[in-house]
Amino acid sequence: MKHKKKKLPVNLDDLVKASRRGSREGEQELLGPGFHSTNRVHRSKKTYTRKAKHKSSLTD
């Protein structure tokens, strides 16, 4: 005689974990593995930088 496993009720924490995991997996499928920032600070065009690739864009 086999015993049936008890089904535990689903907690709100479990739902949140599952949705975060699904979101993370979906994002990795789209963007690839690793960290990808979604919210970036808007840099001013006048922000000083020494790099040559940025100097040409300031003169435009």
Protein backbone atom coordinates (compact mmCIF):
# COMPACT_ATOMS: atom_id res chain seq x y z
CA MET A 1 0.00 0.00 0.00
CA LYS A 2 1.53 3.29 -1.13
CA HIS A 3 1.09 6.47 0.81
CA LYS A 4 0.09 9.59 -1.04
CA LYS A 5 2.18 12.68 -0.49
CA LYS A 6 0.40 15.53 1.17
CA LYS A 7 -0.06 18.55 -1.06
CA LEU A 8 1.06 21.66 0.72
CA PRO A 9 -0.93 24.83 0.18
CA VAL A 10 0.68 27.38 -2.14
CA ASN A 11 2.02 30.39 -0.27
CA LEU A 12 2.34 33.92 -1.58
CA ASP A 13 6.12 33.58 -1.17
CA ASP A 14 6.12 30.54 -3.45
CA LEU A 15 4.17 32.43 -6.10
CA VAL A 16 6.58 35.36 -5.97
CA LYS A 17 9.61 33.06 -6.24
CA ALA A 18 8.10 31.24 -9.20
CA SER A 19 7.27 34.45 -11.05
CA ARG A 20 10.76 35.87 -10.45
CA ARG A 21 12.39 32.69 -11.67
CA GLY A 22 10.24 32.64 -14.80
CA SER A 23 10.97 36.28 -15.47
CA ARG A 24 14.71 35.74 -15.04
CA GLU A 25 14.73 32.70 -17.34
CA GLY A 26 12.75 34.56 -19.99
CA GLU A 27 15.14 37.51 -19.85
CA GLN A 28 18.15 35.20 -20.21
CA GLU A 29 16.59 33.61 -23.30
CA LEU A 30 16.20 37.03 -24.91
CA LEU A 31 19.44 38.71 -23.87
CA GLY A 32 21.80 35.83 -23.13
CA PRO A 33 23.47 34.87 -19.87
CA GLY A 34 24.88 37.39 -17.43
CA PHE A 35 23.75 40.65 -15.92
CA HIS A 36 21.73 43.13 -18.00
CA SER A 37 20.74 46.45 -16.50
CA THR A 38 17.19 47.52 -17.26
CA ASN A 39 17.19 50.96 -15.65
CA ARG A 40 20.08 53.23 -16.52
CA VAL A 41 20.78 56.75 -15.38
CA HIS A 42 20.32 59.28 -18.17
CA ARG A 43 23.66 60.91 -18.80
CA SER A 44 23.77 64.51 -19.87
CA LYS A 45 25.31 65.24 -23.25
CA LYS A 46 27.58 67.70 -21.46
CA THR A 47 29.00 65.10 -19.07
CA TYR A 48 32.79 65.25 -19.27
CA THR A 49 34.62 62.23 -20.60
CA ARG A 50 38.17 61.83 -21.83
CA LYS A 51 37.50 59.05 -24.32
CA ALA A 52 38.07 59.98 -27.96
CA LYS A 53 34.96 58.20 -29.16
CA HIS A 54 32.84 60.57 -27.03
CA LYS A 55 34.69 63.76 -27.88
CA SER A 56 33.59 63.71 -31.50
CA SER A 57 29.89 63.47 -30.55
CA LEU A 58 30.07 66.62 -28.39
CA THR A 59 31.19 68.80 -31.31
CA ASP A 60 28.14 67.85 -33.42
